[in-house]
Amino acid sequence: MHQQSYKLTEKDAVEIWLRYWGGEFQHHIAASYGVNPGRVNEVIKRKRLVGSETVALSMRRDH
């Protein structure tokens, strides 16, 4: 039986940006969510959950 894979949320995408900017490898980030590394790459390449980068930038400045 096919198990439905996890779908990344806007909150996940913000966290992905922060982790990526922190130097974490995309495949490690993907493994923590149980998704294919291509899904994380789609966030980083601005093909999915596009507004998340702006939110992550504002969070990064606040710290």
C-alpha atoms as a PDB file:
ATOM      1  CA  MET A   1       0.000   0.000   0.000  1.00  0.00           C
ATOM      2  CA  HIS A   2       1.258   3.474  -0.907  1.00  0.00           C
ATOM      3  CA  GLN A   3       1.912   5.716   2.075  1.00  0.00           C
ATOM      4  CA  GLN A   4       1.203   9.391   1.437  1.00  0.00           C
ATOM      5  CA  SER A   5       4.348  11.466   1.839  1.00  0.00           C
ATOM      6  CA  TYR A   6       4.601  14.481   4.095  1.00  0.00           C
ATOM      7  CA  LYS A   7       3.684  17.807   2.497  1.00  0.00           C
ATOM      8  CA  LEU A   8       5.906  20.728   3.491  1.00  0.00           C
ATOM      9  CA  THR A   9       4.105  23.686   5.059  1.00  0.00           C
ATOM     10  CA  GLU A  10       4.919  27.398   4.959  1.00  0.00           C
ATOM     11  CA  LYS A  11       6.344  27.075   8.490  1.00  0.00           C
ATOM     12  CA  ASP A  12       8.540  24.168   7.344  1.00  0.00           C
ATOM     13  CA  ALA A  13       9.778  26.224   4.391  1.00  0.00           C
ATOM     14  CA  VAL A  14      10.772  29.110   6.672  1.00  0.00           C
ATOM     15  CA  GLU A  15      12.710  26.663   8.841  1.00  0.00           C
ATOM     16  CA  ILE A  16      14.302  25.165   5.715  1.00  0.00           C
ATOM     17  CA  TRP A  17      15.621  28.600   4.702  1.00  0.00           C
ATOM     18  CA  LEU A  18      17.036  29.252   8.164  1.00  0.00           C
ATOM     19  CA  ARG A  19      18.714  25.855   8.303  1.00  0.00           C
ATOM     20  CA  TYR A  20      20.049  26.203   4.754  1.00  0.00           C
ATOM     21  CA  TRP A  21      21.524  29.638   5.488  1.00  0.00           C
ATOM     22  CA  GLY A  22      23.045  28.112   8.625  1.00  0.00           C
ATOM     23  CA  GLY A  23      25.038  25.739   6.433  1.00  0.00           C
ATOM     24  CA  GLU A  24      23.006  22.559   6.770  1.00  0.00           C
ATOM     25  CA  PHE A  25      22.977  20.269   3.730  1.00  0.00           C
ATOM     26  CA  GLN A  26      19.708  19.988   1.822  1.00  0.00           C
ATOM     27  CA  HIS A  27      19.641  16.192   2.097  1.00  0.00           C
ATOM     28  CA  HIS A  28      19.945  16.409   5.900  1.00  0.00           C
ATOM     29  CA  ILE A  29      17.112  18.927   6.046  1.00  0.00           C
ATOM     30  CA  ALA A  30      14.982  16.701   3.809  1.00  0.00           C
ATOM     31  CA  ALA A  31      15.662  13.636   5.955  1.00  0.00           C
ATOM     32  CA  SER A  32      14.439  15.452   9.065  1.00  0.00           C
ATOM     33  CA  TYR A  33      11.063  16.001   7.367  1.00  0.00           C
ATOM     34  CA  GLY A  34      10.982  12.579   5.720  1.00  0.00           C
ATOM     35  CA  VAL A  35      10.778  14.065   2.226  1.00  0.00           C
ATOM     36  CA  ASN A  36      12.736  13.709  -0.982  1.00  0.00           C
ATOM     37  CA  PRO A  37      15.639  16.207  -1.169  1.00  0.00           C
ATOM     38  CA  GLY A  38      14.030  17.560  -4.327  1.00  0.00           C
ATOM     39  CA  ARG A  39      11.218  19.053  -2.233  1.00  0.00           C
ATOM     40  CA  VAL A  40      13.731  21.031  -0.161  1.00  0.00           C
ATOM     41  CA  ASN A  41      15.510  22.086  -3.345  1.00  0.00           C
ATOM     42  CA  GLU A  42      12.213  23.383  -4.756  1.00  0.00           C
ATOM     43  CA  VAL A  43      11.937  25.695  -1.742  1.00  0.00           C
ATOM     44  CA  ILE A  44      15.550  26.873  -2.123  1.00  0.00           C
ATOM     45  CA  LYS A  45      15.133  27.406  -5.891  1.00  0.00           C
ATOM     46  CA  ARG A  46      11.936  29.414  -5.211  1.00  0.00           C
ATOM     47  CA  LYS A  47       9.654  26.995  -7.061  1.00  0.00           C
ATOM     48  CA  ARG A  48       7.540  26.097  -4.020  1.00  0.00           C
ATOM     49  CA  LEU A  49       6.304  28.090  -0.993  1.00  0.00           C
ATOM     50  CA  VAL A  50       7.856  31.238  -2.452  1.00  0.00           C
ATOM     51  CA  GLY A  51       6.850  33.682   0.302  1.00  0.00           C
ATOM     52  CA  SER A  52       8.732  31.674   2.901  1.00  0.00           C
ATOM     53  CA  GLU A  53      12.077  33.279   2.032  1.00  0.00           C
ATOM     54  CA  THR A  54      10.784  36.757   2.913  1.00  0.00           C
ATOM     55  CA  VAL A  55       9.419  35.516   6.240  1.00  0.00           C
ATOM     56  CA  ALA A  56      12.704  33.753   7.004  1.00  0.00           C
ATOM     57  CA  LEU A  57      14.687  36.900   6.165  1.00  0.00           C
ATOM     58  CA  SER A  58      12.616  38.966   8.587  1.00  0.00           C
ATOM     59  CA  MET A  59      13.035  36.325  11.303  1.00  0.00           C
ATOM     60  CA  ARG A  60      16.770  36.242  10.683  1.00  0.00           C
ATOM     61  CA  ARG A  61      17.042  40.026  11.081  1.00  0.00           C
ATOM     62  CA  ASP A  62      15.094  39.930  14.342  1.00  0.00           C
ATOM     63  CA  HIS A  63      17.691  37.661  15.976  1.00  0.00           C
END
